[in-house]
Structure formats: structure tokens, C-alpha cells
Amino acid sequence: AIVVNVQGHSYALRVDSIEDITTGSSEPDQILGGFGPE
């Protein structure tokens, strides 16, 4: 699990898989539909 702290509380995030640590090669772009409200 990925351990994070949000607003003073600690959480263990269960995910399908933890892949790697990498760097972003761009600034975040707007999400262009198709992913759903979730």
C-alpha cells in the first residue's frame, strides 16, 4: 500500500499495483473526457 498523510491523518492506499517512481516529462494537461465522473 502507498502511505500518505492528508490533513494530519495517515492513510494506506490499496491499489491494483505499484509500478515505479519516475519524473513527469510535461506539465499536467486538461483531461479530455472519456474517463467518466469518477
PDB file of all heavy atoms in Angstrom:
ATOM      1  N   ALA A   1       0.854  -1.190   0.000  1.00  0.00           N
ATOM      2  CA  ALA A   1       0.000   0.000   0.000  1.00  0.00           C
ATOM      3  C   ALA A   1       0.889   1.238   0.000  1.00  0.00           C
ATOM      4  O   ALA A   1       2.028   1.213   0.475  1.00  0.00           O
ATOM      5  CB  ALA A   1      -0.910   0.012   1.218  1.00  0.00           C
ATOM      6  N   ILE A   2       0.343   2.324  -0.529  1.00  0.00           N
ATOM      7  CA  ILE A   2       1.030   3.615  -0.564  1.00  0.00           C
ATOM      8  C   ILE A   2       0.587   4.408   0.660  1.00  0.00           C
ATOM      9  O   ILE A   2      -0.613   4.634   0.846  1.00  0.00           O
ATOM     10  CB  ILE A   2       0.676   4.374  -1.857  1.00  0.00           C
ATOM     11  CG1 ILE A   2       1.094   3.568  -3.080  1.00  0.00           C
ATOM     12  CG2 ILE A   2       1.313   5.758  -1.863  1.00  0.00           C
ATOM     13  CD1 ILE A   2       0.537   4.098  -4.398  1.00  0.00           C
ATOM     14  N   VAL A   3       1.532   4.794   1.501  1.00  0.00           N
ATOM     15  CA  VAL A   3       1.209   5.531   2.723  1.00  0.00           C
ATOM     16  C   VAL A   3       1.322   7.021   2.460  1.00  0.00           C
ATOM     17  O   VAL A   3       2.350   7.505   1.978  1.00  0.00           O
ATOM     18  CB  VAL A   3       2.136   5.121   3.892  1.00  0.00           C
ATOM     19  CG1 VAL A   3       1.831   5.936   5.136  1.00  0.00           C
ATOM     20  CG2 VAL A   3       1.992   3.627   4.174  1.00  0.00           C
ATOM     21  N   VAL A   4       0.228   7.734   2.766  1.00  0.00           N
ATOM     22  CA  VAL A   4       0.174   9.182   2.571  1.00  0.00           C
ATOM     23  C   VAL A   4      -0.373   9.833   3.836  1.00  0.00           C
ATOM     24  O   VAL A   4      -0.994   9.174   4.668  1.00  0.00           O
ATOM     25  CB  VAL A   4      -0.699   9.567   1.356  1.00  0.00           C
ATOM     26  CG1 VAL A   4      -0.127   8.988   0.072  1.00  0.00           C
ATOM     27  CG2 VAL A   4      -2.140   9.132   1.542  1.00  0.00           C
ATOM     28  N   ASN A   5      -0.140  11.121   3.946  1.00  0.00           N
ATOM     29  CA  ASN A   5      -0.690  11.908   5.047  1.00  0.00           C
ATOM     30  C   ASN A   5      -1.484  13.044   4.425  1.00  0.00           C
ATOM     31  O   ASN A   5      -0.943  13.810   3.630  1.00  0.00           O
ATOM     32  CB  ASN A   5       0.445  12.439   5.929  1.00  0.00           C
ATOM     33  CG  ASN A   5      -0.074  13.076   7.185  1.00  0.00           C
ATOM     34  OD1 ASN A   5      -0.745  14.096   7.158  1.00  0.00           O
ATOM     35  ND2 ASN A   5       0.248  12.460   8.304  1.00  0.00           N
ATOM     36  N   VAL A   6      -2.759  13.121   4.758  1.00  0.00           N
ATOM     37  CA  VAL A   6      -3.629  14.165   4.239  1.00  0.00           C
ATOM     38  C   VAL A   6      -4.304  14.850   5.415  1.00  0.00           C
ATOM     39  O   VAL A   6      -4.971  14.189   6.220  1.00  0.00           O
ATOM     40  CB  VAL A   6      -4.684  13.598   3.262  1.00  0.00           C
ATOM     41  CG1 VAL A   6      -5.652  14.685   2.798  1.00  0.00           C
ATOM     42  CG2 VAL A   6      -4.007  12.939   2.069  1.00  0.00           C
ATOM     43  N   GLN A   7      -4.092  16.149   5.536  1.00  0.00           N
ATOM     44  CA  GLN A   7      -4.676  16.968   6.590  1.00  0.00           C
ATOM     45  C   GLN A   7      -4.448  16.368   7.977  1.00  0.00           C
ATOM     46  O   GLN A   7      -5.343  16.308   8.805  1.00  0.00           O
ATOM     47  CB  GLN A   7      -6.162  17.191   6.315  1.00  0.00           C
ATOM     48  CG  GLN A   7      -6.413  17.930   5.023  1.00  0.00           C
ATOM     49  CD  GLN A   7      -7.874  18.088   4.697  1.00  0.00           C
ATOM     50  OE1 GLN A   7      -8.758  17.659   5.424  1.00  0.00           O
ATOM     51  NE2 GLN A   7      -8.142  18.724   3.561  1.00  0.00           N
ATOM     52  N   GLY A   8      -3.229  15.882   8.200  1.00  0.00           N
ATOM     53  CA  GLY A   8      -2.843  15.375   9.511  1.00  0.00           C
ATOM     54  C   GLY A   8      -3.249  13.944   9.816  1.00  0.00           C
ATOM     55  O   GLY A   8      -3.011  13.456  10.916  1.00  0.00           O
ATOM     56  N   HIS A   9      -3.867  13.263   8.860  1.00  0.00           N
ATOM     57  CA  HIS A   9      -4.274  11.875   9.059  1.00  0.00           C
ATOM     58  C   HIS A   9      -3.491  10.980   8.108  1.00  0.00           C
ATOM     59  O   HIS A   9      -3.254  11.340   6.963  1.00  0.00           O
ATOM     60  CB  HIS A   9      -5.776  11.709   8.806  1.00  0.00           C
ATOM     61  CG  HIS A   9      -6.618  12.551   9.714  1.00  0.00           C
ATOM     62  ND1 HIS A   9      -6.865  12.223  11.024  1.00  0.00           N
ATOM     63  CD2 HIS A   9      -7.242  13.731   9.491  1.00  0.00           C
ATOM     64  CE1 HIS A   9      -7.615  13.149  11.572  1.00  0.00           C
ATOM     65  NE2 HIS A   9      -7.859  14.089  10.666  1.00  0.00           N
ATOM     66  N   SER A  10      -3.133   9.789   8.596  1.00  0.00           N
ATOM     67  CA  SER A  10      -2.341   8.857   7.794  1.00  0.00           C
ATOM     68  C   SER A  10      -3.230   7.786   7.179  1.00  0.00           C
ATOM     69  O   SER A  10      -4.122   7.243   7.833  1.00  0.00           O
ATOM     70  CB  SER A  10      -1.272   8.195   8.661  1.00  0.00           C
ATOM     71  OG  SER A  10      -0.370   9.170   9.121  1.00  0.00           O
ATOM     72  N   TYR A  11      -2.955   7.490   5.909  1.00  0.00           N
ATOM     73  CA  TYR A  11      -3.748   6.530   5.153  1.00  0.00           C
ATOM     74  C   TYR A  11      -2.828   5.554   4.425  1.00  0.00           C
ATOM     75  O   TYR A  11      -1.745   5.929   3.984  1.00  0.00           O
ATOM     76  CB  TYR A  11      -4.608   7.239   4.095  1.00  0.00           C
ATOM     77  CG  TYR A  11      -5.578   8.222   4.685  1.00  0.00           C
ATOM     78  CD1 TYR A  11      -5.231   9.557   4.843  1.00  0.00           C
ATOM     79  CD2 TYR A  11      -6.851   7.815   5.095  1.00  0.00           C
ATOM     80  CE1 TYR A  11      -6.121  10.464   5.399  1.00  0.00           C
ATOM     81  CE2 TYR A  11      -7.738   8.719   5.643  1.00  0.00           C
ATOM     82  CZ  TYR A  11      -7.371  10.042   5.790  1.00  0.00           C
ATOM     83  OH  TYR A  11      -8.255  10.938   6.341  1.00  0.00           O
ATOM     84  N   ALA A  12      -3.306   4.320   4.285  1.00  0.00           N
ATOM     85  CA  ALA A  12      -2.648   3.313   3.447  1.00  0.00           C
ATOM     86  C   ALA A  12      -3.569   3.104   2.256  1.00  0.00           C
ATOM     87  O   ALA A  12      -4.715   2.673   2.416  1.00  0.00           O
ATOM     88  CB  ALA A  12      -2.450   2.017   4.213  1.00  0.00           C
ATOM     89  N   LEU A  13      -3.110   3.459   1.072  1.00  0.00           N
ATOM     90  CA  LEU A  13      -3.915   3.370  -0.140  1.00  0.00           C
ATOM     91  C   LEU A  13      -3.683   2.033  -0.825  1.00  0.00           C
ATOM     92  O   LEU A  13      -2.572   1.735  -1.266  1.00  0.00           O
ATOM     93  CB  LEU A  13      -3.567   4.509  -1.102  1.00  0.00           C
ATOM     94  CG  LEU A  13      -3.682   5.926  -0.548  1.00  0.00           C
ATOM     95  CD1 LEU A  13      -3.268   6.938  -1.613  1.00  0.00           C
ATOM     96  CD2 LEU A  13      -5.089   6.204  -0.046  1.00  0.00           C
ATOM     97  N   ARG A  14      -4.729   1.217  -0.920  1.00  0.00           N
ATOM     98  CA  ARG A  14      -4.653  -0.065  -1.624  1.00  0.00           C
ATOM     99  C   ARG A  14      -4.948   0.185  -3.088  1.00  0.00           C
ATOM    100  O   ARG A  14      -5.949   0.815  -3.438  1.00  0.00           O
ATOM    101  CB  ARG A  14      -5.687  -1.056  -1.070  1.00  0.00           C
ATOM    102  CG  ARG A  14      -5.596  -1.375   0.402  1.00  0.00           C
ATOM    103  CD  ARG A  14      -4.416  -2.204   0.841  1.00  0.00           C
ATOM    104  NE  ARG A  14      -4.086  -3.382   0.083  1.00  0.00           N
ATOM    105  CZ  ARG A  14      -4.514  -4.607   0.360  1.00  0.00           C
ATOM    106  NH1 ARG A  14      -5.328  -4.823   1.350  1.00  0.00           N
ATOM    107  NH2 ARG A  14      -4.116  -5.622  -0.375  1.00  0.00           N
ATOM    108  N   VAL A  15      -4.085  -0.299  -3.954  1.00  0.00           N
ATOM    109  CA  VAL A  15      -4.186  -0.103  -5.393  1.00  0.00           C
ATOM    110  C   VAL A  15      -4.001  -1.448  -6.090  1.00  0.00           C
ATOM    111  O   VAL A  15      -3.596  -2.423  -5.469  1.00  0.00           O
ATOM    112  CB  VAL A  15      -3.141   0.931  -5.891  1.00  0.00           C
ATOM    113  CG1 VAL A  15      -3.389   2.306  -5.272  1.00  0.00           C
ATOM    114  CG2 VAL A  15      -1.721   0.472  -5.591  1.00  0.00           C
ATOM    115  N   ASP A  16      -4.277  -1.468  -7.408  1.00  0.00           N
ATOM    116  CA  ASP A  16      -4.068  -2.706  -8.184  1.00  0.00           C
ATOM    117  C   ASP A  16      -2.595  -3.101  -8.155  1.00  0.00           C
ATOM    118  O   ASP A  16      -2.257  -4.254  -7.945  1.00  0.00           O
ATOM    119  CB  ASP A  16      -4.463  -2.522  -9.653  1.00  0.00           C
ATOM    120  CG  ASP A  16      -5.894  -2.045  -9.859  1.00  0.00           C
ATOM    121  OD1 ASP A  16      -6.656  -1.931  -8.892  1.00  0.00           O
ATOM    122  OD2 ASP A  16      -6.235  -1.779 -11.024  1.00  0.00           O
ATOM    123  N   SER A  17      -1.741  -2.118  -8.413  1.00  0.00           N
ATOM    124  CA  SER A  17      -0.306  -2.375  -8.406  1.00  0.00           C
ATOM    125  C   SER A  17       0.451  -1.065  -8.225  1.00  0.00           C
ATOM    126  O   SER A  17      -0.049  -0.002  -8.561  1.00  0.00           O
ATOM    127  CB  SER A  17       0.154  -3.064  -9.699  1.00  0.00           C
ATOM    128  OG  SER A  17      -0.037  -2.208 -10.808  1.00  0.00           O
ATOM    129  N   ILE A  18       1.638  -1.187  -7.678  1.00  0.00           N
ATOM    130  CA  ILE A  18       2.558  -0.063  -7.546  1.00  0.00           C
ATOM    131  C   ILE A  18       3.667  -0.336  -8.542  1.00  0.00           C
ATOM    132  O   ILE A  18       4.312  -1.389  -8.487  1.00  0.00           O
ATOM    133  CB  ILE A  18       3.094   0.059  -6.109  1.00  0.00           C
ATOM    134  CG1 ILE A  18       1.927   0.252  -5.143  1.00  0.00           C
ATOM    135  CG2 ILE A  18       4.092   1.210  -6.005  1.00  0.00           C
ATOM    136  CD1 ILE A  18       2.280   0.091  -3.679  1.00  0.00           C
ATOM    137  N   GLU A  19       3.868   0.592  -9.476  1.00  0.00           N
ATOM    138  CA  GLU A  19       4.752   0.318 -10.597  1.00  0.00           C
ATOM    139  C   GLU A  19       6.178   0.806 -10.420  1.00  0.00           C
ATOM    140  O   GLU A  19       7.109   0.030 -10.517  1.00  0.00           O
ATOM    141  CB  GLU A  19       4.163   0.937 -11.876  1.00  0.00           C
ATOM    142  CG  GLU A  19       2.852   0.332 -12.286  1.00  0.00           C
ATOM    143  CD  GLU A  19       2.270   0.979 -13.522  1.00  0.00           C
ATOM    144  OE1 GLU A  19       2.789   2.014 -13.984  1.00  0.00           O
ATOM    145  OE2 GLU A  19       1.283   0.432 -14.035  1.00  0.00           O
ATOM    146  N   ASP A  20       6.339   2.120 -10.201  1.00  0.00           N
ATOM    147  CA  ASP A  20       7.677   2.691 -10.290  1.00  0.00           C
ATOM    148  C   ASP A  20       7.664   4.108  -9.739  1.00  0.00           C
ATOM    149  O   ASP A  20       6.608   4.667  -9.441  1.00  0.00           O
ATOM    150  CB  ASP A  20       8.092   2.720 -11.767  1.00  0.00           C
ATOM    151  CG  ASP A  20       9.600   2.826 -11.967  1.00  0.00           C
ATOM    152  OD1 ASP A  20      10.342   2.859 -10.972  1.00  0.00           O
ATOM    153  OD2 ASP A  20      10.023   2.889 -13.130  1.00  0.00           O
ATOM    154  N   ILE A  21       8.843   4.681  -9.663  1.00  0.00           N
ATOM    155  CA  ILE A  21       8.998   6.110  -9.407  1.00  0.00           C
ATOM    156  C   ILE A  21       9.633   6.680 -10.662  1.00  0.00           C
ATOM    157  O   ILE A  21      10.600   6.129 -11.184  1.00  0.00           O
ATOM    158  CB  ILE A  21       9.892   6.381  -8.185  1.00  0.00           C
ATOM    159  CG1 ILE A  21       9.223   5.848  -6.929  1.00  0.00           C
ATOM    160  CG2 ILE A  21      10.180   7.870  -8.054  1.00  0.00           C
ATOM    161  CD1 ILE A  21      10.052   5.970  -5.681  1.00  0.00           C
ATOM    162  N   THR A  22       9.072   7.760 -11.162  1.00  0.00           N
ATOM    163  CA  THR A  22       9.567   8.360 -12.398  1.00  0.00           C
ATOM    164  C   THR A  22       9.385   9.878 -12.313  1.00  0.00           C
ATOM    165  O   THR A  22       8.887  10.386 -11.322  1.00  0.00           O
ATOM    166  CB  THR A  22       8.833   7.776 -13.629  1.00  0.00           C
ATOM    167  OG1 THR A  22       9.484   8.215 -14.815  1.00  0.00           O
ATOM    168  CG2 THR A  22       7.372   8.165 -13.657  1.00  0.00           C
ATOM    169  N   THR A  23       9.789  10.564 -13.349  1.00  0.00           N
ATOM    170  CA  THR A  23       9.557  12.007 -13.419  1.00  0.00           C
ATOM    171  C   THR A  23       8.558  12.295 -14.531  1.00  0.00           C
ATOM    172  O   THR A  23       8.474  11.564 -15.514  1.00  0.00           O
ATOM    173  CB  THR A  23      10.861  12.788 -13.725  1.00  0.00           C
ATOM    174  OG1 THR A  23      11.428  12.272 -14.921  1.00  0.00           O
ATOM    175  CG2 THR A  23      11.844  12.667 -12.587  1.00  0.00           C
ATOM    176  N   GLY A  24       7.806  13.366 -14.323  1.00  0.00           N
ATOM    177  CA  GLY A  24       6.898  13.812 -15.362  1.00  0.00           C
ATOM    178  C   GLY A  24       7.693  14.514 -16.438  1.00  0.00           C
ATOM    179  O   GLY A  24       8.665  15.212 -16.149  1.00  0.00           O
ATOM    180  N   SER A  25       7.296  14.321 -17.686  1.00  0.00           N
ATOM    181  CA  SER A  25       8.015  14.982 -18.780  1.00  0.00           C
ATOM    182  C   SER A  25       7.208  16.132 -19.367  1.00  0.00           C
ATOM    183  O   SER A  25       7.577  16.678 -20.396  1.00  0.00           O
ATOM    184  CB  SER A  25       8.379  13.961 -19.868  1.00  0.00           C
ATOM    185  OG  SER A  25       7.219  13.326 -20.353  1.00  0.00           O
ATOM    186  N   SER A  26       6.102  16.488 -18.702  1.00  0.00           N
ATOM    187  CA  SER A  26       5.274  17.603 -19.152  1.00  0.00           C
ATOM    188  C   SER A  26       4.509  18.164 -17.963  1.00  0.00           C
ATOM    189  O   SER A  26       4.438  17.536 -16.911  1.00  0.00           O
ATOM    190  CB  SER A  26       4.280  17.142 -20.224  1.00  0.00           C
ATOM    191  OG  SER A  26       3.278  16.317 -19.647  1.00  0.00           O
ATOM    192  N   GLU A  27       3.942  19.328 -18.156  1.00  0.00           N
ATOM    193  CA  GLU A  27       3.016  19.868 -17.172  1.00  0.00           C
ATOM    194  C   GLU A  27       1.698  19.107 -17.323  1.00  0.00           C
ATOM    195  O   GLU A  27       1.379  18.635 -18.418  1.00  0.00           O
ATOM    196  CB  GLU A  27       2.792  21.370 -17.411  1.00  0.00           C
ATOM    197  CG  GLU A  27       4.003  22.225 -17.107  1.00  0.00           C
ATOM    198  CD  GLU A  27       4.442  22.150 -15.643  1.00  0.00           C
ATOM    199  OE1 GLU A  27       3.565  22.177 -14.751  1.00  0.00           O
ATOM    200  OE2 GLU A  27       5.653  22.047 -15.404  1.00  0.00           O
ATOM    201  N   PRO A  28       0.908  18.994 -16.251  1.00  0.00           N
ATOM    202  CA  PRO A  28      -0.382  18.309 -16.394  1.00  0.00           C
ATOM    203  C   PRO A  28      -1.277  19.029 -17.400  1.00  0.00           C
ATOM    204  O   PRO A  28      -1.377  20.253 -17.382  1.00  0.00           O
ATOM    205  CB  PRO A  28      -0.980  18.385 -14.990  1.00  0.00           C
ATOM    206  CG  PRO A  28       0.169  18.661 -14.077  1.00  0.00           C
ATOM    207  CD  PRO A  28       1.184  19.410 -14.888  1.00  0.00           C
ATOM    208  N   ASP A  29      -1.881  18.254 -18.302  1.00  0.00           N
ATOM    209  CA  ASP A  29      -2.815  18.783 -19.286  1.00  0.00           C
ATOM    210  C   ASP A  29      -4.234  18.517 -18.820  1.00  0.00           C
ATOM    211  O   ASP A  29      -4.483  17.609 -18.010  1.00  0.00           O
ATOM    212  CB  ASP A  29      -2.627  18.092 -20.648  1.00  0.00           C
ATOM    213  CG  ASP A  29      -1.383  18.563 -21.379  1.00  0.00           C
ATOM    214  OD1 ASP A  29      -0.962  19.712 -21.163  1.00  0.00           O
ATOM    215  OD2 ASP A  29      -0.837  17.765 -22.171  1.00  0.00           O
ATOM    216  N   GLN A  30      -5.152  19.257 -19.392  1.00  0.00           N
ATOM    217  CA  GLN A  30      -6.559  19.056 -19.123  1.00  0.00           C
ATOM    218  C   GLN A  30      -6.952  17.645 -19.561  1.00  0.00           C
ATOM    219  O   GLN A  30      -6.458  17.127 -20.560  1.00  0.00           O
ATOM    220  CB  GLN A  30      -7.377  20.086 -19.894  1.00  0.00           C
ATOM    221  CG  GLN A  30      -8.850  19.995 -19.645  1.00  0.00           C
ATOM    222  CD  GLN A  30      -9.619  21.066 -20.410  1.00  0.00           C
ATOM    223  OE1 GLN A  30      -9.046  21.840 -21.161  1.00  0.00           O
ATOM    224  NE2 GLN A  30     -10.918  21.104 -20.212  1.00  0.00           N
ATOM    225  N   ILE A  31      -7.862  17.043 -18.804  1.00  0.00           N
ATOM    226  CA  ILE A  31      -8.356  15.713 -19.148  1.00  0.00           C
ATOM    227  C   ILE A  31      -9.498  15.893 -20.138  1.00  0.00           C
ATOM    228  O   ILE A  31     -10.479  16.563 -19.840  1.00  0.00           O
ATOM    229  CB  ILE A  31      -8.842  14.957 -17.900  1.00  0.00           C
ATOM    230  CG1 ILE A  31      -7.692  14.812 -16.913  1.00  0.00           C
ATOM    231  CG2 ILE A  31      -9.423  13.611 -18.272  1.00  0.00           C
ATOM    232  CD1 ILE A  31      -8.110  14.314 -15.571  1.00  0.00           C
ATOM    233  N   LEU A  32      -9.337  15.307 -21.281  1.00  0.00           N
ATOM    234  CA  LEU A  32     -10.331  15.471 -22.341  1.00  0.00           C
ATOM    235  C   LEU A  32     -11.323  14.319 -22.327  1.00  0.00           C
ATOM    236  O   LEU A  32     -11.151  13.337 -23.024  1.00  0.00           O
ATOM    237  CB  LEU A  32      -9.644  15.570 -23.711  1.00  0.00           C
ATOM    238  CG  LEU A  32      -8.638  16.711 -23.854  1.00  0.00           C
ATOM    239  CD1 LEU A  32      -7.914  16.624 -25.172  1.00  0.00           C
ATOM    240  CD2 LEU A  32      -9.345  18.050 -23.703  1.00  0.00           C
ATOM    241  N   GLY A  33     -12.341  14.396 -21.521  1.00  0.00           N
ATOM    242  CA  GLY A  33     -13.461  13.451 -21.499  1.00  0.00           C
ATOM    243  C   GLY A  33     -13.107  11.992 -21.651  1.00  0.00           C
ATOM    244  O   GLY A  33     -11.965  11.608 -21.807  1.00  0.00           O
ATOM    245  N   GLY A  34     -14.128  11.174 -21.596  1.00  0.00           N
ATOM    246  CA  GLY A  34     -13.956   9.757 -21.827  1.00  0.00           C
ATOM    247  C   GLY A  34     -13.554   8.945 -20.617  1.00  0.00           C
ATOM    248  O   GLY A  34     -13.559   7.733 -20.660  1.00  0.00           O
ATOM    249  N   PHE A  35     -13.195   9.589 -19.517  1.00  0.00           N
ATOM    250  CA  PHE A  35     -12.780   8.843 -18.333  1.00  0.00           C
ATOM    251  C   PHE A  35     -13.920   8.654 -17.343  1.00  0.00           C
ATOM    252  O   PHE A  35     -13.882   7.783 -16.506  1.00  0.00           O
ATOM    253  CB  PHE A  35     -11.599   9.529 -17.635  1.00  0.00           C
ATOM    254  CG  PHE A  35     -10.319   9.396 -18.393  1.00  0.00           C
ATOM    255  CD1 PHE A  35      -9.846  10.432 -19.167  1.00  0.00           C
ATOM    256  CD2 PHE A  35      -9.594   8.228 -18.340  1.00  0.00           C
ATOM    257  CE1 PHE A  35      -8.676  10.311 -19.875  1.00  0.00           C
ATOM    258  CE2 PHE A  35      -8.416   8.090 -19.049  1.00  0.00           C
ATOM    259  CZ  PHE A  35      -7.955   9.137 -19.821  1.00  0.00           C
ATOM    260  N   GLY A  36     -14.929   9.502 -17.404  1.00  0.00           N
ATOM    261  CA  GLY A  36     -16.080   9.390 -16.519  1.00  0.00           C
ATOM    262  C   GLY A  36     -15.950  10.274 -15.295  1.00  0.00           C
ATOM    263  O   GLY A  36     -14.869  10.764 -14.962  1.00  0.00           O
ATOM    264  N   PRO A  37     -17.070  10.477 -14.611  1.00  0.00           N
ATOM    265  CA  PRO A  37     -17.093  11.387 -13.463  1.00  0.00           C
ATOM    266  C   PRO A  37     -16.229  10.917 -12.298  1.00  0.00           C
ATOM    267  O   PRO A  37     -15.738  11.727 -11.519  1.00  0.00           O
ATOM    268  CB  PRO A  37     -18.571  11.451 -13.078  1.00  0.00           C
ATOM    269  CG  PRO A  37     -19.181  10.209 -13.649  1.00  0.00           C
ATOM    270  CD  PRO A  37     -18.388   9.892 -14.878  1.00  0.00           C
ATOM    271  N   GLU A  38     -16.036   9.598 -12.176  1.00  0.00           N
ATOM    272  CA  GLU A  38     -15.205   9.083 -11.079  1.00  0.00           C
ATOM    273  C   GLU A  38     -13.797   9.657 -11.168  1.00  0.00           C
ATOM    274  O   GLU A  38     -13.232  10.114 -10.181  1.00  0.00           O
ATOM    275  CB  GLU A  38     -15.114   7.551 -11.126  1.00  0.00           C
ATOM    276  CG  GLU A  38     -16.437   6.841 -11.140  1.00  0.00           C
ATOM    277  CD  GLU A  38     -16.998   6.639 -12.552  1.00  0.00           C
ATOM    278  OE1 GLU A  38     -16.415   7.099 -13.547  1.00  0.00           O
ATOM    279  OE2 GLU A  38     -18.059   5.998 -12.646  1.00  0.00           O
TER     280      GLU A  38
END
